[in-house]
Structure formats: structure tokens, C-alpha cells
Amino acid sequence: SGTTRTMVFDCAKIVSYVSQLMSLQPGDVIATGTPPGVGM
């Protein structure tokens, strides 16, 4: 039970950052991380 407010890097930062390392094409998907509560 969480919120995207606690993301370290926001959506704009993520897209910009990844695009410096590889080109992103239409249809690519980025999974942006998970809040607490995982089984581990």
C-alpha cells in the first residue's frame, strides 16, 4: 500500500535518463519501481 509520491526518480527523470543510455521506441514500456510490502 503506497503512492508514487515516494518515487526517488520521477517519470520525467526516468525517461530522460534511460534515453541517454538507449533509444526508446514507440511501444517500449518502463516499469518504474515498487513501493514497500514485497515478500522479501
PDB file of all heavy atoms in Angstrom:
ATOM      1  N   SER A   1       0.870  -1.165   0.000  1.00  0.00           N
ATOM      2  CA  SER A   1       0.000   0.000   0.000  1.00  0.00           C
ATOM      3  C   SER A   1       0.911   1.219   0.000  1.00  0.00           C
ATOM      4  O   SER A   1       1.598   1.493   0.986  1.00  0.00           O
ATOM      5  CB  SER A   1      -0.909   0.005   1.228  1.00  0.00           C
ATOM      6  OG  SER A   1      -1.741   1.145   1.227  1.00  0.00           O
ATOM      7  N   GLY A   2       0.958   1.910  -1.132  1.00  0.00           N
ATOM      8  CA  GLY A   2       1.900   3.016  -1.252  1.00  0.00           C
ATOM      9  C   GLY A   2       1.403   4.055  -2.222  1.00  0.00           C
ATOM     10  O   GLY A   2       0.239   4.063  -2.627  1.00  0.00           O
ATOM     11  N   THR A   3       2.299   4.918  -2.606  1.00  0.00           N
ATOM     12  CA  THR A   3       1.966   6.006  -3.520  1.00  0.00           C
ATOM     13  C   THR A   3       3.199   6.354  -4.343  1.00  0.00           C
ATOM     14  O   THR A   3       4.337   6.221  -3.873  1.00  0.00           O
ATOM     15  CB  THR A   3       1.493   7.249  -2.749  1.00  0.00           C
ATOM     16  OG1 THR A   3       1.435   8.366  -3.640  1.00  0.00           O
ATOM     17  CG2 THR A   3       2.418   7.590  -1.602  1.00  0.00           C
ATOM     18  N   THR A   4       2.963   6.803  -5.561  1.00  0.00           N
ATOM     19  CA  THR A   4       4.077   7.207  -6.413  1.00  0.00           C
ATOM     20  C   THR A   4       4.768   8.470  -5.908  1.00  0.00           C
ATOM     21  O   THR A   4       5.805   8.861  -6.448  1.00  0.00           O
ATOM     22  CB  THR A   4       3.598   7.429  -7.862  1.00  0.00           C
ATOM     23  OG1 THR A   4       2.525   8.394  -7.869  1.00  0.00           O
ATOM     24  CG2 THR A   4       3.090   6.141  -8.479  1.00  0.00           C
ATOM     25  N   ARG A   5       4.225   9.081  -4.846  1.00  0.00           N
ATOM     26  CA  ARG A   5       4.896  10.255  -4.270  1.00  0.00           C
ATOM     27  C   ARG A   5       6.265   9.914  -3.705  1.00  0.00           C
ATOM     28  O   ARG A   5       7.124  10.791  -3.607  1.00  0.00           O
ATOM     29  CB  ARG A   5       4.035  10.874  -3.167  1.00  0.00           C
ATOM     30  CG  ARG A   5       2.786  11.600  -3.645  1.00  0.00           C
ATOM     31  CD  ARG A   5       2.191  12.473  -2.542  1.00  0.00           C
ATOM     32  NE  ARG A   5       1.825  11.701  -1.367  1.00  0.00           N
ATOM     33  CZ  ARG A   5       0.638  11.127  -1.181  1.00  0.00           C
ATOM     34  NH1 ARG A   5      -0.303  11.239  -2.111  1.00  0.00           N
ATOM     35  NH2 ARG A   5       0.372  10.449  -0.081  1.00  0.00           N
ATOM     36  N   THR A   6       6.472   8.651  -3.324  1.00  0.00           N
ATOM     37  CA  THR A   6       7.762   8.289  -2.708  1.00  0.00           C
ATOM     38  C   THR A   6       8.777   7.758  -3.719  1.00  0.00           C
ATOM     39  O   THR A   6       9.813   7.230  -3.334  1.00  0.00           O
ATOM     40  CB  THR A   6       7.564   7.265  -1.575  1.00  0.00           C
ATOM     41  OG1 THR A   6       7.069   6.039  -2.111  1.00  0.00           O
ATOM     42  CG2 THR A   6       6.612   7.797  -0.525  1.00  0.00           C
ATOM     43  N   MET A   7       8.479   7.915  -5.010  1.00  0.00           N
ATOM     44  CA  MET A   7       9.476   7.557  -6.021  1.00  0.00           C
ATOM     45  C   MET A   7      10.713   8.426  -5.862  1.00  0.00           C
ATOM     46  O   MET A   7      10.612   9.636  -5.665  1.00  0.00           O
ATOM     47  CB  MET A   7       8.888   7.706  -7.430  1.00  0.00           C
ATOM     48  CG  MET A   7       7.903   6.615  -7.808  1.00  0.00           C
ATOM     49  SD  MET A   7       7.028   6.902  -9.388  1.00  0.00           S
ATOM     50  CE  MET A   7       8.391   6.875 -10.545  1.00  0.00           C
ATOM     51  N   VAL A   8      11.882   7.812  -5.950  1.00  0.00           N
ATOM     52  CA  VAL A   8      13.143   8.563  -5.866  1.00  0.00           C
ATOM     53  C   VAL A   8      13.337   9.386  -7.133  1.00  0.00           C
ATOM     54  O   VAL A   8      13.691  10.563  -7.083  1.00  0.00           O
ATOM     55  CB  VAL A   8      14.322   7.592  -5.643  1.00  0.00           C
ATOM     56  CG1 VAL A   8      15.644   8.362  -5.583  1.00  0.00           C
ATOM     57  CG2 VAL A   8      14.121   6.768  -4.375  1.00  0.00           C
ATOM     58  N   PHE A   9      13.141   8.742  -8.262  1.00  0.00           N
ATOM     59  CA  PHE A   9      13.271   9.405  -9.567  1.00  0.00           C
ATOM     60  C   PHE A   9      11.900   9.412 -10.224  1.00  0.00           C
ATOM     61  O   PHE A   9      11.273   8.360 -10.385  1.00  0.00           O
ATOM     62  CB  PHE A   9      14.288   8.667 -10.447  1.00  0.00           C
ATOM     63  CG  PHE A   9      15.625   8.480  -9.783  1.00  0.00           C
ATOM     64  CD1 PHE A   9      16.003   7.237  -9.280  1.00  0.00           C
ATOM     65  CD2 PHE A   9      16.493   9.551  -9.630  1.00  0.00           C
ATOM     66  CE1 PHE A   9      17.234   7.065  -8.658  1.00  0.00           C
ATOM     67  CE2 PHE A   9      17.727   9.392  -9.002  1.00  0.00           C
ATOM     68  CZ  PHE A   9      18.097   8.149  -8.509  1.00  0.00           C
ATOM     69  N   ASP A  10      11.403  10.598 -10.606  1.00  0.00           N
ATOM     70  CA  ASP A  10      10.058  10.692 -11.167  1.00  0.00           C
ATOM     71  C   ASP A  10      10.036  10.268 -12.626  1.00  0.00           C
ATOM     72  O   ASP A  10      11.071   9.943 -13.228  1.00  0.00           O
ATOM     73  CB  ASP A  10       9.485  12.095 -10.962  1.00  0.00           C
ATOM     74  CG  ASP A  10      10.243  13.196 -11.710  1.00  0.00           C
ATOM     75  OD1 ASP A  10      11.006  12.892 -12.642  1.00  0.00           O
ATOM     76  OD2 ASP A  10      10.047  14.374 -11.345  1.00  0.00           O
ATOM     77  N   CYS A  11       8.849  10.274 -13.213  1.00  0.00           N
ATOM     78  CA  CYS A  11       8.686   9.756 -14.578  1.00  0.00           C
ATOM     79  C   CYS A  11       9.525  10.523 -15.589  1.00  0.00           C
ATOM     80  O   CYS A  11      10.141   9.928 -16.489  1.00  0.00           O
ATOM     81  CB  CYS A  11       7.209   9.784 -14.973  1.00  0.00           C
ATOM     82  SG  CYS A  11       6.164   8.654 -14.021  1.00  0.00           S
ATOM     83  N   ALA A  12       9.568  11.851 -15.474  1.00  0.00           N
ATOM     84  CA  ALA A  12      10.350  12.654 -16.412  1.00  0.00           C
ATOM     85  C   ALA A  12      11.828  12.315 -16.311  1.00  0.00           C
ATOM     86  O   ALA A  12      12.528  12.173 -17.327  1.00  0.00           O
ATOM     87  CB  ALA A  12      10.115  14.141 -16.155  1.00  0.00           C
ATOM     88  N   LYS A  13      12.330  12.189 -15.085  1.00  0.00           N
ATOM     89  CA  LYS A  13      13.738  11.849 -14.880  1.00  0.00           C
ATOM     90  C   LYS A  13      14.044  10.473 -15.455  1.00  0.00           C
ATOM     91  O   LYS A  13      15.086  10.285 -16.109  1.00  0.00           O
ATOM     92  CB  LYS A  13      14.056  11.879 -13.385  1.00  0.00           C
ATOM     93  CG  LYS A  13      15.463  11.384 -13.028  1.00  0.00           C
ATOM     94  CD  LYS A  13      16.544  12.315 -13.551  1.00  0.00           C
ATOM     95  CE  LYS A  13      17.923  11.860 -13.089  1.00  0.00           C
ATOM     96  NZ  LYS A  13      18.983  12.782 -13.574  1.00  0.00           N
ATOM     97  N   ILE A  14      13.144   9.520 -15.230  1.00  0.00           N
ATOM     98  CA  ILE A  14      13.388   8.159 -15.702  1.00  0.00           C
ATOM     99  C   ILE A  14      13.475   8.107 -17.225  1.00  0.00           C
ATOM    100  O   ILE A  14      14.408   7.530 -17.796  1.00  0.00           O
ATOM    101  CB  ILE A  14      12.281   7.223 -15.187  1.00  0.00           C
ATOM    102  CG1 ILE A  14      12.460   6.988 -13.685  1.00  0.00           C
ATOM    103  CG2 ILE A  14      12.290   5.897 -15.943  1.00  0.00           C
ATOM    104  CD1 ILE A  14      11.280   6.293 -13.037  1.00  0.00           C
ATOM    105  N   VAL A  15      12.493   8.713 -17.917  1.00  0.00           N
ATOM    106  CA  VAL A  15      12.510   8.673 -19.381  1.00  0.00           C
ATOM    107  C   VAL A  15      13.762   9.371 -19.915  1.00  0.00           C
ATOM    108  O   VAL A  15      14.443   8.861 -20.815  1.00  0.00           O
ATOM    109  CB  VAL A  15      11.232   9.307 -19.957  1.00  0.00           C
ATOM    110  CG1 VAL A  15      11.343   9.457 -21.480  1.00  0.00           C
ATOM    111  CG2 VAL A  15      10.015   8.470 -19.598  1.00  0.00           C
ATOM    112  N   SER A  16      14.089  10.517 -19.363  1.00  0.00           N
ATOM    113  CA  SER A  16      15.276  11.238 -19.810  1.00  0.00           C
ATOM    114  C   SER A  16      16.532  10.419 -19.562  1.00  0.00           C
ATOM    115  O   SER A  16      17.396  10.274 -20.446  1.00  0.00           O
ATOM    116  CB  SER A  16      15.374  12.584 -19.086  1.00  0.00           C
ATOM    117  OG  SER A  16      16.581  13.236 -19.417  1.00  0.00           O
ATOM    118  N   TYR A  17      16.646   9.842 -18.372  1.00  0.00           N
ATOM    119  CA  TYR A  17      17.844   9.079 -18.003  1.00  0.00           C
ATOM    120  C   TYR A  17      18.027   7.867 -18.907  1.00  0.00           C
ATOM    121  O   TYR A  17      19.118   7.636 -19.446  1.00  0.00           O
ATOM    122  CB  TYR A  17      17.740   8.650 -16.544  1.00  0.00           C
ATOM    123  CG  TYR A  17      18.960   7.924 -16.022  1.00  0.00           C
ATOM    124  CD1 TYR A  17      20.014   8.627 -15.437  1.00  0.00           C
ATOM    125  CD2 TYR A  17      19.067   6.537 -16.102  1.00  0.00           C
ATOM    126  CE1 TYR A  17      21.138   7.970 -14.957  1.00  0.00           C
ATOM    127  CE2 TYR A  17      20.185   5.873 -15.621  1.00  0.00           C
ATOM    128  CZ  TYR A  17      21.214   6.590 -15.044  1.00  0.00           C
ATOM    129  OH  TYR A  17      22.330   5.935 -14.569  1.00  0.00           O
ATOM    130  N   VAL A  18      16.958   7.074 -19.065  1.00  0.00           N
ATOM    131  CA  VAL A  18      17.080   5.879 -19.897  1.00  0.00           C
ATOM    132  C   VAL A  18      17.426   6.255 -21.330  1.00  0.00           C
ATOM    133  O   VAL A  18      18.210   5.572 -22.000  1.00  0.00           O
ATOM    134  CB  VAL A  18      15.780   5.048 -19.840  1.00  0.00           C
ATOM    135  CG1 VAL A  18      15.858   3.863 -20.803  1.00  0.00           C
ATOM    136  CG2 VAL A  18      15.511   4.554 -18.420  1.00  0.00           C
ATOM    137  N   SER A  19      16.884   7.368 -21.811  1.00  0.00           N
ATOM    138  CA  SER A  19      17.132   7.776 -23.201  1.00  0.00           C
ATOM    139  C   SER A  19      18.572   8.200 -23.443  1.00  0.00           C
ATOM    140  O   SER A  19      19.000   8.306 -24.598  1.00  0.00           O
ATOM    141  CB  SER A  19      16.182   8.902 -23.611  1.00  0.00           C
ATOM    142  OG  SER A  19      16.621  10.169 -23.146  1.00  0.00           O
ATOM    143  N   GLN A  20      19.325   8.462 -22.369  1.00  0.00           N
ATOM    144  CA  GLN A  20      20.749   8.757 -22.530  1.00  0.00           C
ATOM    145  C   GLN A  20      21.555   7.477 -22.762  1.00  0.00           C
ATOM    146  O   GLN A  20      22.699   7.531 -23.248  1.00  0.00           O
ATOM    147  CB  GLN A  20      21.307   9.466 -21.285  1.00  0.00           C
ATOM    148  CG  GLN A  20      20.491  10.611 -20.744  1.00  0.00           C
ATOM    149  CD  GLN A  20      20.248  11.718 -21.737  1.00  0.00           C
ATOM    150  OE1 GLN A  20      21.175  12.188 -22.406  1.00  0.00           O
ATOM    151  NE2 GLN A  20      18.993  12.153 -21.843  1.00  0.00           N
ATOM    152  N   LEU A  21      20.975   6.331 -22.391  1.00  0.00           N
ATOM    153  CA  LEU A  21      21.692   5.057 -22.442  1.00  0.00           C
ATOM    154  C   LEU A  21      21.251   4.175 -23.599  1.00  0.00           C
ATOM    155  O   LEU A  21      22.017   3.318 -24.058  1.00  0.00           O
ATOM    156  CB  LEU A  21      21.482   4.304 -21.121  1.00  0.00           C
ATOM    157  CG  LEU A  21      21.891   5.071 -19.860  1.00  0.00           C
ATOM    158  CD1 LEU A  21      21.454   4.308 -18.622  1.00  0.00           C
ATOM    159  CD2 LEU A  21      23.390   5.320 -19.839  1.00  0.00           C
ATOM    160  N   MET A  22      20.021   4.344 -24.032  1.00  0.00           N
ATOM    161  CA  MET A  22      19.478   3.566 -25.153  1.00  0.00           C
ATOM    162  C   MET A  22      18.320   4.351 -25.742  1.00  0.00           C
ATOM    163  O   MET A  22      17.635   5.070 -25.017  1.00  0.00           O
ATOM    164  CB  MET A  22      18.999   2.186 -24.679  1.00  0.00           C
ATOM    165  CG  MET A  22      17.835   2.231 -23.716  1.00  0.00           C
ATOM    166  SD  MET A  22      17.416   0.637 -22.968  1.00  0.00           S
ATOM    167  CE  MET A  22      18.648   0.557 -21.653  1.00  0.00           C
ATOM    168  N   SER A  23      18.108   4.218 -27.020  1.00  0.00           N
ATOM    169  CA  SER A  23      16.948   4.887 -27.609  1.00  0.00           C
ATOM    170  C   SER A  23      15.693   4.142 -27.195  1.00  0.00           C
ATOM    171  O   SER A  23      15.666   2.914 -27.081  1.00  0.00           O
ATOM    172  CB  SER A  23      17.065   4.940 -29.133  1.00  0.00           C
ATOM    173  OG  SER A  23      17.074   3.636 -29.680  1.00  0.00           O
ATOM    174  N   LEU A  24      14.659   4.911 -26.942  1.00  0.00           N
ATOM    175  CA  LEU A  24      13.357   4.346 -26.609  1.00  0.00           C
ATOM    176  C   LEU A  24      12.448   4.487 -27.823  1.00  0.00           C
ATOM    177  O   LEU A  24      12.403   5.555 -28.443  1.00  0.00           O
ATOM    178  CB  LEU A  24      12.763   5.073 -25.404  1.00  0.00           C
ATOM    179  CG  LEU A  24      13.510   4.857 -24.083  1.00  0.00           C
ATOM    180  CD1 LEU A  24      13.041   5.844 -23.024  1.00  0.00           C
ATOM    181  CD2 LEU A  24      13.336   3.424 -23.599  1.00  0.00           C
ATOM    182  N   GLN A  25      11.740   3.427 -28.128  1.00  0.00           N
ATOM    183  CA  GLN A  25      10.905   3.391 -29.319  1.00  0.00           C
ATOM    184  C   GLN A  25       9.427   3.301 -28.930  1.00  0.00           C
ATOM    185  O   GLN A  25       9.090   2.842 -27.836  1.00  0.00           O
ATOM    186  CB  GLN A  25      11.278   2.193 -30.193  1.00  0.00           C
ATOM    187  CG  GLN A  25      12.745   2.119 -30.557  1.00  0.00           C
ATOM    188  CD  GLN A  25      13.219   3.337 -31.322  1.00  0.00           C
ATOM    189  OE1 GLN A  25      12.466   3.886 -32.123  1.00  0.00           O
ATOM    190  NE2 GLN A  25      14.453   3.758 -31.088  1.00  0.00           N
ATOM    191  N   PRO A  26       8.524   3.754 -29.815  1.00  0.00           N
ATOM    192  CA  PRO A  26       7.097   3.623 -29.520  1.00  0.00           C
ATOM    193  C   PRO A  26       6.734   2.183 -29.157  1.00  0.00           C
ATOM    194  O   PRO A  26       7.105   1.240 -29.871  1.00  0.00           O
ATOM    195  CB  PRO A  26       6.425   4.057 -30.820  1.00  0.00           C
ATOM    196  CG  PRO A  26       7.415   4.987 -31.458  1.00  0.00           C
ATOM    197  CD  PRO A  26       8.765   4.415 -31.122  1.00  0.00           C
ATOM    198  N   GLY A  27       6.044   2.035 -28.048  1.00  0.00           N
ATOM    199  CA  GLY A  27       5.672   0.702 -27.580  1.00  0.00           C
ATOM    200  C   GLY A  27       6.581   0.135 -26.520  1.00  0.00           C
ATOM    201  O   GLY A  27       6.238  -0.854 -25.875  1.00  0.00           O
ATOM    202  N   ASP A  28       7.750   0.728 -26.308  1.00  0.00           N
ATOM    203  CA  ASP A  28       8.586   0.302 -25.186  1.00  0.00           C
ATOM    204  C   ASP A  28       7.878   0.629 -23.876  1.00  0.00           C
ATOM    205  O   ASP A  28       7.137   1.617 -23.782  1.00  0.00           O
ATOM    206  CB  ASP A  28       9.948   0.995 -25.213  1.00  0.00           C
ATOM    207  CG  ASP A  28      10.855   0.488 -26.324  1.00  0.00           C
ATOM    208  OD1 ASP A  28      10.547  -0.556 -26.922  1.00  0.00           O
ATOM    209  OD2 ASP A  28      11.885   1.147 -26.585  1.00  0.00           O
ATOM    210  N   VAL A  29       8.106  -0.185 -22.861  1.00  0.00           N
ATOM    211  CA  VAL A  29       7.492   0.016 -21.551  1.00  0.00           C
ATOM    212  C   VAL A  29       8.582   0.105 -20.495  1.00  0.00           C
ATOM    213  O   VAL A  29       9.552  -0.666 -20.520  1.00  0.00           O
ATOM    214  CB  VAL A  29       6.517  -1.136 -21.208  1.00  0.00           C
ATOM    215  CG1 VAL A  29       5.972  -0.981 -19.792  1.00  0.00           C
ATOM    216  CG2 VAL A  29       5.371  -1.185 -22.214  1.00  0.00           C
ATOM    217  N   ILE A  30       8.427   1.047 -19.573  1.00  0.00           N
ATOM    218  CA  ILE A  30       9.337   1.180 -18.441  1.00  0.00           C
ATOM    219  C   ILE A  30       8.543   0.941 -17.166  1.00  0.00           C
ATOM    220  O   ILE A  30       7.569   1.653 -16.888  1.00  0.00           O
ATOM    221  CB  ILE A  30      10.001   2.566 -18.380  1.00  0.00           C
ATOM    222  CG1 ILE A  30      10.709   2.895 -19.701  1.00  0.00           C
ATOM    223  CG2 ILE A  30      10.998   2.626 -17.215  1.00  0.00           C
ATOM    224  CD1 ILE A  30      11.276   4.314 -19.747  1.00  0.00           C
ATOM    225  N   ALA A  31       8.946  -0.063 -16.382  1.00  0.00           N
ATOM    226  CA  ALA A  31       8.369  -0.308 -15.064  1.00  0.00           C
ATOM    227  C   ALA A  31       9.189   0.499 -14.060  1.00  0.00           C
ATOM    228  O   ALA A  31      10.410   0.343 -13.981  1.00  0.00           O
ATOM    229  CB  ALA A  31       8.404  -1.797 -14.732  1.00  0.00           C
ATOM    230  N   THR A  32       8.530   1.362 -13.300  1.00  0.00           N
ATOM    231  CA  THR A  32       9.229   2.440 -12.590  1.00  0.00           C
ATOM    232  C   THR A  32       9.552   2.158 -11.130  1.00  0.00           C
ATOM    233  O   THR A  32       9.941   3.059 -10.394  1.00  0.00           O
ATOM    234  CB  THR A  32       8.401   3.732 -12.672  1.00  0.00           C
ATOM    235  OG1 THR A  32       7.111   3.506 -12.080  1.00  0.00           O
ATOM    236  CG2 THR A  32       8.225   4.174 -14.114  1.00  0.00           C
ATOM    237  N   GLY A  33       9.433   0.917 -10.677  1.00  0.00           N
ATOM    238  CA  GLY A  33       9.770   0.592  -9.300  1.00  0.00           C
ATOM    239  C   GLY A  33       8.542   0.325  -8.455  1.00  0.00           C
ATOM    240  O   GLY A  33       7.409   0.573  -8.875  1.00  0.00           O
ATOM    241  N   THR A  34       8.770  -0.182  -7.245  1.00  0.00           N
ATOM    242  CA  THR A  34       7.664  -0.648  -6.405  1.00  0.00           C
ATOM    243  C   THR A  34       7.727  -0.060  -5.010  1.00  0.00           C
ATOM    244  O   THR A  34       8.819   0.175  -4.477  1.00  0.00           O
ATOM    245  CB  THR A  34       7.685  -2.190  -6.329  1.00  0.00           C
ATOM    246  OG1 THR A  34       6.419  -2.674  -5.881  1.00  0.00           O
ATOM    247  CG2 THR A  34       8.780  -2.708  -5.402  1.00  0.00           C
ATOM    248  N   PRO A  35       6.572   0.188  -4.386  1.00  0.00           N
ATOM    249  CA  PRO A  35       6.548   0.651  -3.002  1.00  0.00           C
ATOM    250  C   PRO A  35       6.819  -0.511  -2.039  1.00  0.00           C
ATOM    251  O   PRO A  35       6.942  -1.667  -2.465  1.00  0.00           O
ATOM    252  CB  PRO A  35       5.128   1.199  -2.850  1.00  0.00           C
ATOM    253  CG  PRO A  35       4.318   0.397  -3.810  1.00  0.00           C
ATOM    254  CD  PRO A  35       5.226   0.124  -4.974  1.00  0.00           C
ATOM    255  N   PRO A  36       6.874  -0.241  -0.726  1.00  0.00           N
ATOM    256  CA  PRO A  36       7.178  -1.306   0.229  1.00  0.00           C
ATOM    257  C   PRO A  36       6.055  -2.324   0.333  1.00  0.00           C
ATOM    258  O   PRO A  36       4.932  -2.088  -0.092  1.00  0.00           O
ATOM    259  CB  PRO A  36       7.359  -0.548   1.554  1.00  0.00           C
ATOM    260  CG  PRO A  36       6.567   0.695   1.387  1.00  0.00           C
ATOM    261  CD  PRO A  36       6.697   1.061  -0.062  1.00  0.00           C
ATOM    262  N   GLY A  37       6.401  -3.481   0.923  1.00  0.00           N
ATOM    263  CA  GLY A  37       5.423  -4.531   1.135  1.00  0.00           C
ATOM    264  C   GLY A  37       5.680  -5.785   0.325  1.00  0.00           C
ATOM    265  O   GLY A  37       4.844  -6.697   0.314  1.00  0.00           O
ATOM    266  N   VAL A  38       6.827  -5.871  -0.328  1.00  0.00           N
ATOM    267  CA  VAL A  38       7.149  -7.087  -1.078  1.00  0.00           C
ATOM    268  C   VAL A  38       7.442  -8.221  -0.106  1.00  0.00           C
ATOM    269  O   VAL A  38       7.778  -8.003   1.076  1.00  0.00           O
ATOM    270  CB  VAL A  38       8.336  -6.857  -2.038  1.00  0.00           C
ATOM    271  CG1 VAL A  38       7.996  -5.791  -3.060  1.00  0.00           C
ATOM    272  CG2 VAL A  38       9.607  -6.491  -1.275  1.00  0.00           C
ATOM    273  N   GLY A  39       7.327  -9.445  -0.589  1.00  0.00           N
ATOM    274  CA  GLY A  39       7.540 -10.597   0.271  1.00  0.00           C
ATOM    275  C   GLY A  39       8.930 -10.660   0.864  1.00  0.00           C
ATOM    276  O   GLY A  39       9.117 -11.092   2.007  1.00  0.00           O
ATOM    277  N   MET A  40       9.928 -10.230   0.091  1.00  0.00           N
ATOM    278  CA  MET A  40      11.314 -10.252   0.554  1.00  0.00           C
ATOM    279  C   MET A  40      11.515  -9.356   1.763  1.00  0.00           C
ATOM    280  O   MET A  40      12.380  -9.603   2.602  1.00  0.00           O
ATOM    281  CB  MET A  40      12.232  -9.803  -0.589  1.00  0.00           C
ATOM    282  CG  MET A  40      13.713  -9.777  -0.248  1.00  0.00           C
ATOM    283  SD  MET A  40      14.751  -9.413  -1.696  1.00  0.00           S
ATOM    284  CE  MET A  40      14.226  -7.740  -2.070  1.00  0.00           C
TER     285      MET A  40
END
